[in-house]
Structures are given as structure tokens and as C-alpha cells.
Amino acid sequence: MLNKTINLLVFSLTLTAVLHFLFLRFDSYYSYSWIDIPVHFLGGVVIASLYFWLASFVPKLSQPTWSRMLAVIMVVGIGWELWEVFVGAADMSKFDYASDTLQDMINDTLGALAVWYWYVNISNKHNSETVCQK
């Protein structure tokens, strides 16, 4: 199970980093307003995969819960949004800034939900009830 989680983490982190680099390099974030949707989804996948990987080492996380993972996703997502403001990557003067931020948070959560579903129902099929609390 741990190997599958590490593979998912490495793959999603690599894909996210490559896409982010390319989108920055070619100004895609500014040319296409929708382009950050897959990046935020993948960000949720990365953070959720990291959460499950850490759960295998941290006794307090040995039984991951959806609410705990959602809290982690929200903290990281809000931190990312604040970082964008701090470095000037976000235009807060846009009339739809709050809507864009909410959409980013939803996409982060959807990525995490996909990993939760994978972890509970697919990857850990035989003992999902003993590993995760729904």
C-alpha cells in the first residue's frame, strides 16, 4: 500500500511541477483563465497523497479521516492563495477574485476527494474499513 501511495505522490507532484513550470513559462495562467483548474486539482492530489504517506509514519494519523484531510487541504489551499497575493501573482482588484479563490479551493478539494476515493475503495480494497474512517 505504501508503495502505491509513494508512486501516486511522486507522479502527481512531478506532473504538477512540470505543468506549473510550463504554464508560467508560456504565460498560460494569464492567457487562459481556466488553466489553473487542473493544477489546483493536481495540487489536491499531491497534498492528499502526502497526507496518506505521512499517515503511515505518524501514529496520530494512523487512521486518516476525511475531516482531518479536508482541514489539511483547506490550510494548504488558503496558504497557497495567500502566497499568490504576497508574491503578486493574484490580482485582488479583479471583481471575481473571491469567486476564483473559491473555485481554486473547490478544485483542491476535488483532487483530495479523488485520492480519498482511490485510497479507500480501490487501492486498499480488502481492508478499507480498518484503515480509514469515513
C-alpha atoms as a PDB file:
ATOM      1  CA  MET A   1       0.000   0.000   0.000  1.00  0.00           C
ATOM      2  CA  LEU A   2       2.814   2.384   0.899  1.00  0.00           C
ATOM      3  CA  ASN A   3       4.466   1.871  -2.499  1.00  0.00           C
ATOM      4  CA  LYS A   4       1.229   2.752  -4.300  1.00  0.00           C
ATOM      5  CA  THR A   5       0.904   5.909  -2.222  1.00  0.00           C
ATOM      6  CA  ILE A   6       4.504   6.927  -2.897  1.00  0.00           C
ATOM      7  CA  ASN A   7       4.035   6.274  -6.620  1.00  0.00           C
ATOM      8  CA  LEU A   8       0.914   8.424  -6.692  1.00  0.00           C
ATOM      9  CA  LEU A   9       2.665  11.151  -4.708  1.00  0.00           C
ATOM     10  CA  VAL A  10       5.755  11.213  -6.937  1.00  0.00           C
ATOM     11  CA  PHE A  11       3.741  11.060 -10.160  1.00  0.00           C
ATOM     12  CA  SER A  12       1.252  13.771  -9.163  1.00  0.00           C
ATOM     13  CA  LEU A  13       3.966  16.020  -7.726  1.00  0.00           C
ATOM     14  CA  THR A  14       6.079  15.676 -10.882  1.00  0.00           C
ATOM     15  CA  LEU A  15       3.117  16.290 -13.188  1.00  0.00           C
ATOM     16  CA  THR A  16       2.012  19.320 -11.159  1.00  0.00           C
ATOM     17  CA  ALA A  17       5.516  20.797 -11.124  1.00  0.00           C
ATOM     18  CA  VAL A  18       6.018  20.277 -14.875  1.00  0.00           C
ATOM     19  CA  LEU A  19       2.622  21.775 -15.759  1.00  0.00           C
ATOM     20  CA  HIS A  20       3.137  24.707 -13.398  1.00  0.00           C
ATOM     21  CA  PHE A  21       6.566  25.413 -14.874  1.00  0.00           C
ATOM     22  CA  LEU A  22       5.245  25.230 -18.444  1.00  0.00           C
ATOM     23  CA  PHE A  23       2.199  27.371 -17.660  1.00  0.00           C
ATOM     24  CA  LEU A  24       4.436  30.021 -16.072  1.00  0.00           C
ATOM     25  CA  ARG A  25       6.980  29.841 -18.871  1.00  0.00           C
ATOM     26  CA  PHE A  26       4.398  30.376 -21.603  1.00  0.00           C
ATOM     27  CA  ASP A  27       2.159  32.766 -19.633  1.00  0.00           C
ATOM     28  CA  SER A  28      -0.695  30.276 -19.856  1.00  0.00           C
ATOM     29  CA  TYR A  29      -2.142  31.327 -16.495  1.00  0.00           C
ATOM     30  CA  TYR A  30      -2.706  34.801 -17.944  1.00  0.00           C
ATOM     31  CA  SER A  31      -3.802  33.681 -21.416  1.00  0.00           C
ATOM     32  CA  TYR A  32      -6.324  31.039 -20.343  1.00  0.00           C
ATOM     33  CA  SER A  33      -8.427  31.735 -17.279  1.00  0.00           C
ATOM     34  CA  TRP A  34      -9.332  28.063 -16.844  1.00  0.00           C
ATOM     35  CA  ILE A  35      -5.777  26.699 -16.933  1.00  0.00           C
ATOM     36  CA  ASP A  36      -5.322  26.721 -13.152  1.00  0.00           C
ATOM     37  CA  ILE A  37      -8.210  24.261 -12.694  1.00  0.00           C
ATOM     38  CA  PRO A  38      -6.164  21.113 -13.443  1.00  0.00           C
ATOM     39  CA  VAL A  39      -3.227  22.481 -11.454  1.00  0.00           C
ATOM     40  CA  HIS A  40      -5.377  23.025  -8.362  1.00  0.00           C
ATOM     41  CA  PHE A  41      -6.959  19.583  -8.811  1.00  0.00           C
ATOM     42  CA  LEU A  42      -3.478  18.050  -9.011  1.00  0.00           C
ATOM     43  CA  GLY A  43      -2.429  20.123  -6.011  1.00  0.00           C
ATOM     44  CA  GLY A  44      -5.228  18.477  -4.042  1.00  0.00           C
ATOM     45  CA  VAL A  45      -3.992  15.083  -5.266  1.00  0.00           C
ATOM     46  CA  VAL A  46      -0.447  15.907  -4.141  1.00  0.00           C
ATOM     47  CA  ILE A  47      -1.459  17.109  -0.678  1.00  0.00           C
ATOM     48  CA  ALA A  48      -3.852  14.195  -0.099  1.00  0.00           C
ATOM     49  CA  SER A  49      -1.204  11.696  -1.264  1.00  0.00           C
ATOM     50  CA  LEU A  50       1.297  13.316   1.078  1.00  0.00           C
ATOM     51  CA  TYR A  51      -1.280  13.102   3.873  1.00  0.00           C
ATOM     52  CA  PHE A  52      -1.727   9.346   3.349  1.00  0.00           C
ATOM     53  CA  TRP A  53       2.018   8.816   3.057  1.00  0.00           C
ATOM     54  CA  LEU A  54       2.618  10.702   6.310  1.00  0.00           C
ATOM     55  CA  ALA A  55      -0.178   8.700   7.936  1.00  0.00           C
ATOM     56  CA  SER A  56       1.967   5.617   7.592  1.00  0.00           C
ATOM     57  CA  PHE A  57       4.682   7.227   9.772  1.00  0.00           C
ATOM     58  CA  VAL A  58       2.832   9.466  12.233  1.00  0.00           C
ATOM     59  CA  PRO A  59       0.937   7.492  14.884  1.00  0.00           C
ATOM     60  CA  LYS A  60      -1.683  10.211  15.355  1.00  0.00           C
ATOM     61  CA  LEU A  61      -2.572   9.952  11.658  1.00  0.00           C
ATOM     62  CA  SER A  62      -2.578   6.142  11.564  1.00  0.00           C
ATOM     63  CA  GLN A  63      -6.315   6.200  10.871  1.00  0.00           C
ATOM     64  CA  PRO A  64      -6.835   9.021   8.373  1.00  0.00           C
ATOM     65  CA  THR A  65     -10.199  10.728   8.458  1.00  0.00           C
ATOM     66  CA  TRP A  66     -11.907  12.716   5.734  1.00  0.00           C
ATOM     67  CA  SER A  67     -12.403  15.703   8.049  1.00  0.00           C
ATOM     68  CA  ARG A  68      -8.726  15.778   9.035  1.00  0.00           C
ATOM     69  CA  MET A  69      -7.624  15.521   5.414  1.00  0.00           C
ATOM     70  CA  LEU A  70     -10.117  18.234   4.416  1.00  0.00           C
ATOM     71  CA  ALA A  71      -8.673  20.502   7.112  1.00  0.00           C
ATOM     72  CA  VAL A  72      -5.163  19.927   5.757  1.00  0.00           C
ATOM     73  CA  ILE A  73      -6.336  20.684   2.203  1.00  0.00           C
ATOM     74  CA  MET A  74      -8.029  23.895   3.349  1.00  0.00           C
ATOM     75  CA  VAL A  75      -4.966  25.089   5.289  1.00  0.00           C
ATOM     76  CA  VAL A  76      -2.619  24.390   2.378  1.00  0.00           C
ATOM     77  CA  GLY A  77      -5.069  25.867  -0.160  1.00  0.00           C
ATOM     78  CA  ILE A  78      -5.551  29.064   1.842  1.00  0.00           C
ATOM     79  CA  GLY A  79      -1.795  29.249   2.364  1.00  0.00           C
ATOM     80  CA  TRP A  80      -1.276  28.968  -1.401  1.00  0.00           C
ATOM     81  CA  GLU A  81      -3.808  31.716  -2.086  1.00  0.00           C
ATOM     82  CA  LEU A  82      -2.103  33.986   0.467  1.00  0.00           C
ATOM     83  CA  TRP A  83       1.280  33.217  -1.102  1.00  0.00           C
ATOM     84  CA  GLU A  84      -0.107  34.220  -4.532  1.00  0.00           C
ATOM     85  CA  VAL A  85      -1.201  37.559  -3.063  1.00  0.00           C
ATOM     86  CA  PHE A  86       2.135  38.051  -1.287  1.00  0.00           C
ATOM     87  CA  VAL A  87       4.229  37.481  -4.434  1.00  0.00           C
ATOM     88  CA  GLY A  88       1.873  39.491  -6.624  1.00  0.00           C
ATOM     89  CA  ALA A  89       0.613  36.538  -8.664  1.00  0.00           C
ATOM     90  CA  ALA A  90      -3.009  37.247  -7.749  1.00  0.00           C
ATOM     91  CA  ASP A  91      -4.870  40.331  -8.856  1.00  0.00           C
ATOM     92  CA  MET A  92      -7.104  41.162  -5.916  1.00  0.00           C
ATOM     93  CA  SER A  93      -8.589  44.107  -7.782  1.00  0.00           C
ATOM     94  CA  LYS A  94     -10.395  41.717 -10.114  1.00  0.00           C
ATOM     95  CA  PHE A  95     -14.098  41.747  -9.371  1.00  0.00           C
ATOM     96  CA  ASP A  96     -14.186  37.941  -9.376  1.00  0.00           C
ATOM     97  CA  TYR A  97     -11.143  37.327  -7.151  1.00  0.00           C
ATOM     98  CA  ALA A  98     -13.229  35.797  -4.348  1.00  0.00           C
ATOM     99  CA  SER A  99     -15.039  33.563  -6.846  1.00  0.00           C
ATOM    100  CA  ASP A 100     -11.730  32.464  -8.377  1.00  0.00           C
ATOM    101  CA  THR A 101     -10.323  31.672  -4.936  1.00  0.00           C
ATOM    102  CA  LEU A 102     -13.418  29.662  -4.052  1.00  0.00           C
ATOM    103  CA  GLN A 103     -13.140  27.742  -7.323  1.00  0.00           C
ATOM    104  CA  ASP A 104      -9.464  27.035  -6.580  1.00  0.00           C
ATOM    105  CA  MET A 105     -10.378  25.686  -3.133  1.00  0.00           C
ATOM    106  CA  ILE A 106     -13.115  23.502  -4.630  1.00  0.00           C
ATOM    107  CA  ASN A 107     -10.667  22.071  -7.166  1.00  0.00           C
ATOM    108  CA  ASP A 108      -8.127  21.399  -4.402  1.00  0.00           C
ATOM    109  CA  THR A 109     -10.850  19.540  -2.515  1.00  0.00           C
ATOM    110  CA  LEU A 110     -11.964  17.561  -5.575  1.00  0.00           C
ATOM    111  CA  GLY A 111      -8.386  16.388  -6.110  1.00  0.00           C
ATOM    112  CA  ALA A 112      -8.206  15.294  -2.480  1.00  0.00           C
ATOM    113  CA  LEU A 113     -11.582  13.584  -2.773  1.00  0.00           C
ATOM    114  CA  ALA A 114     -10.316  11.605  -5.780  1.00  0.00           C
ATOM    115  CA  VAL A 115      -7.343  10.384  -3.720  1.00  0.00           C
ATOM    116  CA  TRP A 116      -9.595   9.574  -0.763  1.00  0.00           C
ATOM    117  CA  TYR A 117     -11.841   7.510  -3.057  1.00  0.00           C
ATOM    118  CA  TRP A 118      -8.832   5.784  -4.592  1.00  0.00           C
ATOM    119  CA  TYR A 119      -7.292   5.038  -1.194  1.00  0.00           C
ATOM    120  CA  VAL A 120     -10.458   3.738   0.447  1.00  0.00           C
ATOM    121  CA  ASN A 121     -12.183   1.976  -2.443  1.00  0.00           C
ATOM    122  CA  ILE A 122      -9.542   0.929  -4.938  1.00  0.00           C
ATOM    123  CA  SER A 123      -6.004   0.847  -3.593  1.00  0.00           C
ATOM    124  CA  ASN A 124      -6.862  -0.590  -0.199  1.00  0.00           C
ATOM    125  CA  LYS A 125      -9.852  -2.644  -1.299  1.00  0.00           C
ATOM    126  CA  HIS A 126      -9.534  -5.528   1.127  1.00  0.00           C
ATOM    127  CA  ASN A 127      -9.307  -3.680   4.429  1.00  0.00           C
ATOM    128  CA  SER A 128     -10.578  -0.149   3.791  1.00  0.00           C
ATOM    129  CA  GLU A 129     -12.720  -0.097   6.923  1.00  0.00           C
ATOM    130  CA  THR A 130      -9.772  -0.832   9.177  1.00  0.00           C
ATOM    131  CA  VAL A 131      -7.530   1.794   7.593  1.00  0.00           C
ATOM    132  CA  CYS A 132      -9.798   4.810   7.060  1.00  0.00           C
ATOM    133  CA  GLN A 133     -12.695   6.228   8.936  1.00  0.00           C
ATOM    134  CA  LYS A 134     -15.346   7.659   6.674  1.00  0.00           C
END
